Amino acid sequence: MALTPAEKQRRYRERRKAGIPAVHTRKPRDRRSRAQRWCDAVAELGALQEHYRDCLDRLPDSLRDTAYAERLQIIVEADIEALEEIEPPRGYGRDT
């Protein structure tokens, strides 16, 4: 259950009175280049496509004509190999 802003403020003030230090965390920066992120994303799509292909192969006959099976088939038929062939630009004159 979500707290109301007033409840959050009350808890914050109680922590400050008790001397409990505030802990702030940041999401770590992704230091990969855009090209590396592209390659990683395409690899992840390929892995997911294989997973969905296995799901479709193991699907019981009673579910073969359902919307679920149709969506699995669309994912399996997607041309991920075309995405793998794309080499993203490195940028700023470094493509040569």
PDB file of N, CA and C in Angstrom:
ATOM      1  N   MET A   1       0.841  -1.172   0.000  1.00  0.00           N
ATOM      2  CA  MET A   1       0.000   0.000   0.000  1.00  0.00           C
ATOM      3  C   MET A   1       0.889   1.238   0.000  1.00  0.00           C
ATOM      4  N   ALA A   2       0.611   2.134  -0.883  1.00  0.00           N
ATOM      5  CA  ALA A   2       1.424   3.339  -1.026  1.00  0.00           C
ATOM      6  C   ALA A   2       1.133   4.322   0.103  1.00  0.00           C
ATOM      7  N   LEU A   3       2.174   5.010   0.499  1.00  0.00           N
ATOM      8  CA  LEU A   3       2.031   6.014   1.546  1.00  0.00           C
ATOM      9  C   LEU A   3       1.581   7.339   0.934  1.00  0.00           C
ATOM     10  N   THR A   4       0.836   8.099   1.711  1.00  0.00           N
ATOM     11  CA  THR A   4       0.448   9.430   1.272  1.00  0.00           C
ATOM     12  C   THR A   4       1.646  10.360   1.455  1.00  0.00           C
ATOM     13  N   PRO A   5       1.656  11.488   0.791  1.00  0.00           N
ATOM     14  CA  PRO A   5       2.766  12.424   0.987  1.00  0.00           C
ATOM     15  C   PRO A   5       2.932  12.849   2.455  1.00  0.00           C
ATOM     16  N   ALA A   6       1.819  13.010   3.169  1.00  0.00           N
ATOM     17  CA  ALA A   6       1.904  13.396   4.578  1.00  0.00           C
ATOM     18  C   ALA A   6       2.583  12.301   5.410  1.00  0.00           C
ATOM     19  N   GLU A   7       2.263  11.029   5.116  1.00  0.00           N
ATOM     20  CA  GLU A   7       2.897   9.924   5.844  1.00  0.00           C
ATOM     21  C   GLU A   7       4.384   9.839   5.529  1.00  0.00           C
ATOM     22  N   LYS A   8       4.746  10.048   4.277  1.00  0.00           N
ATOM     23  CA  LYS A   8       6.158  10.046   3.903  1.00  0.00           C
ATOM     24  C   LYS A   8       6.913  11.150   4.628  1.00  0.00           C
ATOM     25  N   GLN A   9       6.305  12.331   4.687  1.00  0.00           N
ATOM     26  CA  GLN A   9       6.940  13.459   5.361  1.00  0.00           C
ATOM     27  C   GLN A   9       7.108  13.171   6.849  1.00  0.00           C
ATOM     28  N   ARG A  10       6.095  12.590   7.486  1.00  0.00           N
ATOM     29  CA  ARG A  10       6.172  12.257   8.904  1.00  0.00           C
ATOM     30  C   ARG A  10       7.293  11.266   9.164  1.00  0.00           C
ATOM     31  N   ARG A  11       7.386  10.230   8.340  1.00  0.00           N
ATOM     32  CA  ARG A  11       8.455   9.243   8.499  1.00  0.00           C
ATOM     33  C   ARG A  11       9.831   9.872   8.282  1.00  0.00           C
ATOM     34  N   TYR A  12       9.919  10.753   7.293  1.00  0.00           N
ATOM     35  CA  TYR A  12      11.183  11.436   7.027  1.00  0.00           C
ATOM     36  C   TYR A  12      11.612  12.241   8.246  1.00  0.00           C
ATOM     37  N   ARG A  13      10.695  13.004   8.820  1.00  0.00           N
ATOM     38  CA  ARG A  13      11.014  13.813   9.998  1.00  0.00           C
ATOM     39  C   ARG A  13      11.406  12.943  11.188  1.00  0.00           C
ATOM     40  N   GLU A  14      10.724  11.810  11.363  1.00  0.00           N
ATOM     41  CA  GLU A  14      11.073  10.901  12.455  1.00  0.00           C
ATOM     42  C   GLU A  14      12.494  10.355  12.282  1.00  0.00           C
ATOM     43  N   ARG A  15      12.851  10.013  11.055  1.00  0.00           N
ATOM     44  CA  ARG A  15      14.209   9.505  10.796  1.00  0.00           C
ATOM     45  C   ARG A  15      15.247  10.582  11.058  1.00  0.00           C
ATOM     46  N   ARG A  16      14.955  11.801  10.663  1.00  0.00           N
ATOM     47  CA  ARG A  16      15.891  12.903  10.874  1.00  0.00           C
ATOM     48  C   ARG A  16      16.080  13.164  12.374  1.00  0.00           C
ATOM     49  N   LYS A  17      14.996  13.116  13.169  1.00  0.00           N
ATOM     50  CA  LYS A  17      15.098  13.318  14.616  1.00  0.00           C
ATOM     51  C   LYS A  17      15.905  12.204  15.270  1.00  0.00           C
ATOM     52  N   ALA A  18      15.759  10.983  14.757  1.00  0.00           N
ATOM     53  CA  ALA A  18      16.470   9.841  15.330  1.00  0.00           C
ATOM     54  C   ALA A  18      17.937   9.819  14.919  1.00  0.00           C
ATOM     55  N   GLY A  19      18.316  10.693  14.009  1.00  0.00           N
ATOM     56  CA  GLY A  19      19.705  10.748  13.582  1.00  0.00           C
ATOM     57  C   GLY A  19      20.076   9.705  12.542  1.00  0.00           C
ATOM     58  N   ILE A  20      19.105   9.091  11.932  1.00  0.00           N
ATOM     59  CA  ILE A  20      19.363   8.088  10.891  1.00  0.00           C
ATOM     60  C   ILE A  20      19.739   8.825   9.608  1.00  0.00           C
ATOM     61  N   PRO A  21      20.933   8.553   9.070  1.00  0.00           N
ATOM     62  CA  PRO A  21      21.344   9.279   7.859  1.00  0.00           C
ATOM     63  C   PRO A  21      20.509   8.862   6.645  1.00  0.00           C
ATOM     64  N   ALA A  22      20.304   9.828   5.769  1.00  0.00           N
ATOM     65  CA  ALA A  22      19.570   9.562   4.531  1.00  0.00           C
ATOM     66  C   ALA A  22      20.488   8.836   3.555  1.00  0.00           C
ATOM     67  N   VAL A  23      19.984   7.785   2.953  1.00  0.00           N
ATOM     68  CA  VAL A  23      20.758   7.009   1.990  1.00  0.00           C
ATOM     69  C   VAL A  23      20.212   7.288   0.599  1.00  0.00           C
ATOM     70  N   HIS A  24      21.069   7.808  -0.252  1.00  0.00           N
ATOM     71  CA  HIS A  24      20.682   8.097  -1.630  1.00  0.00           C
ATOM     72  C   HIS A  24      21.473   7.170  -2.542  1.00  0.00           C
ATOM     73  N   THR A  25      20.770   6.476  -3.405  1.00  0.00           N
ATOM     74  CA  THR A  25      21.439   5.593  -4.354  1.00  0.00           C
ATOM     75  C   THR A  25      21.183   6.084  -5.762  1.00  0.00           C
ATOM     76  N   ARG A  26      22.137   5.835  -6.612  1.00  0.00           N
ATOM     77  CA  ARG A  26      22.003   6.193  -8.021  1.00  0.00           C
ATOM     78  C   ARG A  26      22.117   4.942  -8.861  1.00  0.00           C
ATOM     79  N   LYS A  27      21.421   4.976  -9.952  1.00  0.00           N
ATOM     80  CA  LYS A  27      21.529   3.896 -10.915  1.00  0.00           C
ATOM     81  C   LYS A  27      22.896   4.019 -11.591  1.00  0.00           C
ATOM     82  N   PRO A  28      23.655   2.921 -11.662  1.00  0.00           N
ATOM     83  CA  PRO A  28      24.974   3.019 -12.300  1.00  0.00           C
ATOM     84  C   PRO A  28      24.845   3.399 -13.769  1.00  0.00           C
ATOM     85  N   ARG A  29      25.783   4.207 -14.230  1.00  0.00           N
ATOM     86  CA  ARG A  29      25.767   4.646 -15.622  1.00  0.00           C
ATOM     87  C   ARG A  29      26.140   3.509 -16.546  1.00  0.00           C
ATOM     88  N   ASP A  30      25.466   3.464 -17.647  1.00  0.00           N
ATOM     89  CA  ASP A  30      25.787   2.482 -18.679  1.00  0.00           C
ATOM     90  C   ASP A  30      26.901   3.071 -19.532  1.00  0.00           C
ATOM     91  N   ARG A  31      28.081   2.514 -19.454  1.00  0.00           N
ATOM     92  CA  ARG A  31      29.240   3.075 -20.136  1.00  0.00           C
ATOM     93  C   ARG A  31      29.479   2.469 -21.522  1.00  0.00           C
ATOM     94  N   ARG A  32      28.556   1.609 -21.956  1.00  0.00           N
ATOM     95  CA  ARG A  32      28.718   1.014 -23.278  1.00  0.00           C
ATOM     96  C   ARG A  32      28.411   2.041 -24.357  1.00  0.00           C
ATOM     97  N   SER A  33      29.055   1.893 -25.504  1.00  0.00           N
ATOM     98  CA  SER A  33      28.754   2.769 -26.637  1.00  0.00           C
ATOM     99  C   SER A  33      27.386   2.397 -27.207  1.00  0.00           C
ATOM    100  N   ARG A  34      26.842   3.292 -28.008  1.00  0.00           N
ATOM    101  CA  ARG A  34      25.551   2.993 -28.641  1.00  0.00           C
ATOM    102  C   ARG A  34      25.651   1.765 -29.530  1.00  0.00           C
ATOM    103  N   ALA A  35      26.766   1.642 -30.223  1.00  0.00           N
ATOM    104  CA  ALA A  35      26.945   0.479 -31.099  1.00  0.00           C
ATOM    105  C   ALA A  35      26.954  -0.815 -30.276  1.00  0.00           C
ATOM    106  N   GLN A  36      27.618  -0.783 -29.122  1.00  0.00           N
ATOM    107  CA  GLN A  36      27.653  -1.980 -28.274  1.00  0.00           C
ATOM    108  C   GLN A  36      26.277  -2.263 -27.688  1.00  0.00           C
ATOM    109  N   ARG A  37      25.554  -1.209 -27.312  1.00  0.00           N
ATOM    110  CA  ARG A  37      24.201  -1.411 -26.798  1.00  0.00           C
ATOM    111  C   ARG A  37      23.303  -2.006 -27.872  1.00  0.00           C
ATOM    112  N   TRP A  38      23.478  -1.562 -29.139  1.00  0.00           N
ATOM    113  CA  TRP A  38      22.709  -2.117 -30.261  1.00  0.00           C
ATOM    114  C   TRP A  38      22.998  -3.615 -30.402  1.00  0.00           C
ATOM    115  N   CYS A  39      24.270  -3.959 -30.419  1.00  0.00           N
ATOM    116  CA  CYS A  39      24.654  -5.366 -30.584  1.00  0.00           C
ATOM    117  C   CYS A  39      24.115  -6.221 -29.437  1.00  0.00           C
ATOM    118  N   ASP A  40      24.187  -5.702 -28.224  1.00  0.00           N
ATOM    119  CA  ASP A  40      23.670  -6.440 -27.065  1.00  0.00           C
ATOM    120  C   ASP A  40      22.153  -6.611 -27.158  1.00  0.00           C
ATOM    121  N   ALA A  41      21.457  -5.564 -27.611  1.00  0.00           N
ATOM    122  CA  ALA A  41      19.999  -5.639 -27.735  1.00  0.00           C
ATOM    123  C   ALA A  41      19.587  -6.658 -28.800  1.00  0.00           C
ATOM    124  N   VAL A  42      20.294  -6.671 -29.923  1.00  0.00           N
ATOM    125  CA  VAL A  42      19.980  -7.633 -30.987  1.00  0.00           C
ATOM    126  C   VAL A  42      20.265  -9.057 -30.504  1.00  0.00           C
ATOM    127  N   ALA A  43      21.350  -9.239 -29.757  1.00  0.00           N
ATOM    128  CA  ALA A  43      21.655 -10.564 -29.212  1.00  0.00           C
ATOM    129  C   ALA A  43      20.568 -11.012 -28.241  1.00  0.00           C
ATOM    130  N   GLU A  44      20.080 -10.087 -27.429  1.00  0.00           N
ATOM    131  CA  GLU A  44      18.997 -10.409 -26.495  1.00  0.00           C
ATOM    132  C   GLU A  44      17.725 -10.771 -27.248  1.00  0.00           C
ATOM    133  N   LEU A  45      17.419 -10.039 -28.323  1.00  0.00           N
ATOM    134  CA  LEU A  45      16.251 -10.381 -29.140  1.00  0.00           C
ATOM    135  C   LEU A  45      16.386 -11.785 -29.737  1.00  0.00           C
ATOM    136  N   GLY A  46      17.584 -12.118 -30.190  1.00  0.00           N
ATOM    137  CA  GLY A  46      17.811 -13.461 -30.732  1.00  0.00           C
ATOM    138  C   GLY A  46      17.596 -14.539 -29.690  1.00  0.00           C
ATOM    139  N   ALA A  47      18.077 -14.290 -28.473  1.00  0.00           N
ATOM    140  CA  ALA A  47      17.886 -15.259 -27.388  1.00  0.00           C
ATOM    141  C   ALA A  47      16.410 -15.401 -27.033  1.00  0.00           C
ATOM    142  N   LEU A  48      15.704 -14.282 -26.994  1.00  0.00           N
ATOM    143  CA  LEU A  48      14.263 -14.333 -26.713  1.00  0.00           C
ATOM    144  C   LEU A  48      13.506 -15.054 -27.816  1.00  0.00           C
ATOM    145  N   GLN A  49      13.912 -14.819 -29.061  1.00  0.00           N
ATOM    146  CA  GLN A  49      13.256 -15.489 -30.179  1.00  0.00           C
ATOM    147  C   GLN A  49      13.433 -17.010 -30.067  1.00  0.00           C
ATOM    148  N   GLU A  50      14.620 -17.454 -29.684  1.00  0.00           N
ATOM    149  CA  GLU A  50      14.850 -18.888 -29.494  1.00  0.00           C
ATOM    150  C   GLU A  50      13.969 -19.442 -28.372  1.00  0.00           C
ATOM    151  N   HIS A  51      13.846 -18.678 -27.304  1.00  0.00           N
ATOM    152  CA  HIS A  51      12.987 -19.104 -26.193  1.00  0.00           C
ATOM    153  C   HIS A  51      11.539 -19.253 -26.664  1.00  0.00           C
ATOM    154  N   TYR A  52      11.056 -18.249 -27.427  1.00  0.00           N
ATOM    155  CA  TYR A  52       9.686 -18.321 -27.925  1.00  0.00           C
ATOM    156  C   TYR A  52       9.521 -19.453 -28.940  1.00  0.00           C
ATOM    157  N   ARG A  53      10.551 -19.739 -29.714  1.00  0.00           N
ATOM    158  CA  ARG A  53      10.497 -20.859 -30.656  1.00  0.00           C
ATOM    159  C   ARG A  53      10.325 -22.178 -29.888  1.00  0.00           C
ATOM    160  N   ASP A  54      11.057 -22.324 -28.786  1.00  0.00           N
ATOM    161  CA  ASP A  54      10.910 -23.520 -27.947  1.00  0.00           C
ATOM    162  C   ASP A  54       9.504 -23.609 -27.367  1.00  0.00           C
ATOM    163  N   CYS A  55       8.985 -22.466 -26.917  1.00  0.00           N
ATOM    164  CA  CYS A  55       7.616 -22.453 -26.374  1.00  0.00           C
ATOM    165  C   CYS A  55       6.605 -22.886 -27.430  1.00  0.00           C
ATOM    166  N   LEU A  56       6.783 -22.399 -28.650  1.00  0.00           N
ATOM    167  CA  LEU A  56       5.859 -22.744 -29.733  1.00  0.00           C
ATOM    168  C   LEU A  56       5.970 -24.225 -30.076  1.00  0.00           C
ATOM    169  N   ASP A  57       7.188 -24.763 -30.080  1.00  0.00           N
ATOM    170  CA  ASP A  57       7.380 -26.179 -30.387  1.00  0.00           C
ATOM    171  C   ASP A  57       6.764 -27.085 -29.326  1.00  0.00           C
ATOM    172  N   ARG A  58       6.751 -26.636 -28.088  1.00  0.00           N
ATOM    173  CA  ARG A  58       6.220 -27.447 -26.990  1.00  0.00           C
ATOM    174  C   ARG A  58       4.747 -27.194 -26.711  1.00  0.00           C
ATOM    175  N   LEU A  59       4.140 -26.318 -27.482  1.00  0.00           N
ATOM    176  CA  LEU A  59       2.750 -25.956 -27.252  1.00  0.00           C
ATOM    177  C   LEU A  59       1.832 -27.153 -27.501  1.00  0.00           C
ATOM    178  N   PRO A  60       0.931 -27.435 -26.578  1.00  0.00           N
ATOM    179  CA  PRO A  60       0.005 -28.557 -26.793  1.00  0.00           C
ATOM    180  C   PRO A  60      -0.914 -28.302 -27.987  1.00  0.00           C
ATOM    181  N   ASP A  61      -1.378 -29.366 -28.573  1.00  0.00           N
ATOM    182  CA  ASP A  61      -2.252 -29.259 -29.748  1.00  0.00           C
ATOM    183  C   ASP A  61      -3.515 -28.459 -29.450  1.00  0.00           C
ATOM    184  N   SER A  62      -3.987 -28.512 -28.218  1.00  0.00           N
ATOM    185  CA  SER A  62      -5.222 -27.800 -27.872  1.00  0.00           C
ATOM    186  C   SER A  62      -5.037 -26.283 -27.923  1.00  0.00           C
ATOM    187  N   LEU A  63      -3.803 -25.801 -27.902  1.00  0.00           N
ATOM    188  CA  LEU A  63      -3.547 -24.361 -27.930  1.00  0.00           C
ATOM    189  C   LEU A  63      -2.990 -23.873 -29.261  1.00  0.00           C
ATOM    190  N   ARG A  64      -2.909 -24.744 -30.251  1.00  0.00           N
ATOM    191  CA  ARG A  64      -2.298 -24.382 -31.533  1.00  0.00           C
ATOM    192  C   ARG A  64      -3.082 -23.315 -32.299  1.00  0.00           C
ATOM    193  N   ASP A  65      -4.377 -23.238 -32.120  1.00  0.00           N
ATOM    194  CA  ASP A  65      -5.201 -22.291 -32.875  1.00  0.00           C
ATOM    195  C   ASP A  65      -5.667 -21.119 -32.013  1.00  0.00           C
ATOM    196  N   THR A  66      -4.853 -20.711 -31.058  1.00  0.00           N
ATOM    197  CA  THR A  66      -5.222 -19.613 -30.178  1.00  0.00           C
ATOM    198  C   THR A  66      -4.445 -18.350 -30.545  1.00  0.00           C
ATOM    199  N   ALA A  67      -4.867 -17.241 -29.964  1.00  0.00           N
ATOM    200  CA  ALA A  67      -4.169 -15.968 -30.182  1.00  0.00           C
ATOM    201  C   ALA A  67      -2.745 -16.045 -29.630  1.00  0.00           C
ATOM    202  N   TYR A  68      -2.555 -16.788 -28.555  1.00  0.00           N
ATOM    203  CA  TYR A  68      -1.228 -16.969 -27.968  1.00  0.00           C
ATOM    204  C   TYR A  68      -0.275 -17.616 -28.973  1.00  0.00           C
ATOM    205  N   ALA A  69      -0.746 -18.654 -29.631  1.00  0.00           N
ATOM    206  CA  ALA A  69       0.072 -19.346 -30.628  1.00  0.00           C
ATOM    207  C   ALA A  69       0.359 -18.444 -31.821  1.00  0.00           C
ATOM    208  N   GLU A  70      -0.611 -17.638 -32.211  1.00  0.00           N
ATOM    209  CA  GLU A  70      -0.401 -16.715 -33.334  1.00  0.00           C
ATOM    210  C   GLU A  70       0.680 -15.697 -33.008  1.00  0.00           C
ATOM    211  N   ARG A  71       0.661 -15.180 -31.789  1.00  0.00           N
ATOM    212  CA  ARG A  71       1.677 -14.205 -31.382  1.00  0.00           C
ATOM    213  C   ARG A  71       3.055 -14.845 -31.293  1.00  0.00           C
ATOM    214  N   LEU A  72       3.103 -16.061 -30.788  1.00  0.00           N
ATOM    215  CA  LEU A  72       4.379 -16.772 -30.768  1.00  0.00           C
ATOM    216  C   LEU A  72       4.913 -16.959 -32.179  1.00  0.00           C
ATOM    217  N   GLN A  73       4.034 -17.304 -33.106  1.00  0.00           N
ATOM    218  CA  GLN A  73       4.432 -17.525 -34.493  1.00  0.00           C
ATOM    219  C   GLN A  73       4.977 -16.239 -35.118  1.00  0.00           C
ATOM    220  N   ILE A  74       4.357 -15.107 -34.813  1.00  0.00           N
ATOM    221  CA  ILE A  74       4.831 -13.820 -35.335  1.00  0.00           C
ATOM    222  C   ILE A  74       6.238 -13.533 -34.837  1.00  0.00           C
ATOM    223  N   ILE A  75       6.479 -13.788 -33.554  1.00  0.00           N
ATOM    224  CA  ILE A  75       7.813 -13.552 -32.990  1.00  0.00           C
ATOM    225  C   ILE A  75       8.833 -14.485 -33.622  1.00  0.00           C
ATOM    226  N   VAL A  76       8.460 -15.744 -33.790  1.00  0.00           N
ATOM    227  CA  VAL A  76       9.384 -16.730 -34.362  1.00  0.00           C
ATOM    228  C   VAL A  76       9.727 -16.380 -35.802  1.00  0.00           C
ATOM    229  N   GLU A  77       8.775 -15.841 -36.553  1.00  0.00           N
ATOM    230  CA  GLU A  77       9.002 -15.516 -37.954  1.00  0.00           C
ATOM    231  C   GLU A  77       9.697 -14.175 -38.160  1.00  0.00           C
ATOM    232  N   ALA A  78       9.853 -13.381 -37.106  1.00  0.00           N
ATOM    233  CA  ALA A  78      10.513 -12.076 -37.232  1.00  0.00           C
ATOM    234  C   ALA A  78      11.945 -12.270 -37.711  1.00  0.00           C
ATOM    235  N   ASP A  79      12.401 -11.377 -38.570  1.00  0.00           N
ATOM    236  CA  ASP A  79      13.725 -11.505 -39.178  1.00  0.00           C
ATOM    237  C   ASP A  79      14.778 -10.804 -38.318  1.00  0.00           C
ATOM    238  N   ILE A  80      15.205 -11.481 -37.273  1.00  0.00           N
ATOM    239  CA  ILE A  80      16.229 -10.947 -36.373  1.00  0.00           C
ATOM    240  C   ILE A  80      17.595 -10.952 -37.072  1.00  0.00           C
ATOM    241  N   GLU A  81      17.785 -11.874 -37.997  1.00  0.00           N
ATOM    242  CA  GLU A  81      19.068 -11.948 -38.714  1.00  0.00           C
ATOM    243  C   GLU A  81      19.331 -10.669 -39.504  1.00  0.00           C
ATOM    244  N   ALA A  82      18.279 -10.032 -39.996  1.00  0.00           N
ATOM    245  CA  ALA A  82      18.465  -8.767 -40.718  1.00  0.00           C
ATOM    246  C   ALA A  82      18.999  -7.694 -39.775  1.00  0.00           C
ATOM    247  N   LEU A  83      18.547  -7.712 -38.528  1.00  0.00           N
ATOM    248  CA  LEU A  83      19.056  -6.764 -37.547  1.00  0.00           C
ATOM    249  C   LEU A  83      20.515  -7.045 -37.199  1.00  0.00           C
ATOM    250  N   GLU A  84      20.888  -8.331 -37.187  1.00  0.00           N
ATOM    251  CA  GLU A  84      22.270  -8.694 -36.874  1.00  0.00           C
ATOM    252  C   GLU A  84      23.236  -8.200 -37.948  1.00  0.00           C
ATOM    253  N   GLU A  85      22.760  -8.098 -39.183  1.00  0.00           N
ATOM    254  CA  GLU A  85      23.612  -7.660 -40.288  1.00  0.00           C
ATOM    255  C   GLU A  85      23.860  -6.159 -40.281  1.00  0.00           C
ATOM    256  N   ILE A  86      23.017  -5.417 -39.578  1.00  0.00           N
ATOM    257  CA  ILE A  86      23.167  -3.965 -39.536  1.00  0.00           C
ATOM    258  C   ILE A  86      24.347  -3.611 -38.639  1.00  0.00           C
ATOM    259  N   GLU A  87      25.241  -2.791 -39.177  1.00  0.00           N
ATOM    260  CA  GLU A  87      26.346  -2.297 -38.371  1.00  0.00           C
ATOM    261  C   GLU A  87      26.059  -0.830 -38.055  1.00  0.00           C
ATOM    262  N   PRO A  88      25.789  -0.511 -36.785  1.00  0.00           N
ATOM    263  CA  PRO A  88      25.446   0.871 -36.458  1.00  0.00           C
ATOM    264  C   PRO A  88      26.633   1.811 -36.667  1.00  0.00           C
ATOM    265  N   PRO A  89      26.350   3.076 -36.968  1.00  0.00           N
ATOM    266  CA  PRO A  89      27.441   4.029 -37.188  1.00  0.00           C
ATOM    267  C   PRO A  89      28.186   4.302 -35.887  1.00  0.00           C
ATOM    268  N   ARG A  90      29.464   4.515 -36.004  1.00  0.00           N
ATOM    269  CA  ARG A  90      30.282   4.839 -34.834  1.00  0.00           C
ATOM    270  C   ARG A  90      30.236   6.325 -34.549  1.00  0.00           C
ATOM    271  N   GLY A  91      30.017   7.124 -35.575  1.00  0.00           N
ATOM    272  CA  GLY A  91      29.804   8.560 -35.402  1.00  0.00           C
ATOM    273  C   GLY A  91      31.053   9.405 -35.456  1.00  0.00           C
ATOM    274  N   TYR A  92      30.866  10.668 -35.752  1.00  0.00           N
ATOM    275  CA  TYR A  92      31.893  11.688 -35.749  1.00  0.00           C
ATOM    276  C   TYR A  92      33.109  11.319 -36.595  1.00  0.00           C
ATOM    277  N   GLY A  93      32.873  10.831 -37.804  1.00  0.00           N
ATOM    278  CA  GLY A  93      33.953  10.550 -38.744  1.00  0.00           C
ATOM    279  C   GLY A  93      34.754   9.305 -38.457  1.00  0.00           C
ATOM    280  N   ARG A  94      34.319   8.466 -37.506  1.00  0.00           N
ATOM    281  CA  ARG A  94      35.072   7.252 -37.178  1.00  0.00           C
ATOM    282  C   ARG A  94      34.580   6.029 -37.944  1.00  0.00           C
ATOM    283  N   ASP A  95      33.716   6.221 -38.930  1.00  0.00           N
ATOM    284  CA  ASP A  95      33.141   5.094 -39.662  1.00  0.00           C
ATOM    285  C   ASP A  95      34.066   4.552 -40.739  1.00  0.00           C
ATOM    286  N   THR A  96      35.110   5.246 -41.065  1.00  0.00           N
ATOM    287  CA  THR A  96      35.985   4.791 -42.149  1.00  0.00           C
ATOM    288  C   THR A  96      36.969   3.765 -41.693  1.00  0.00           C
TER     289      THR A  96
END
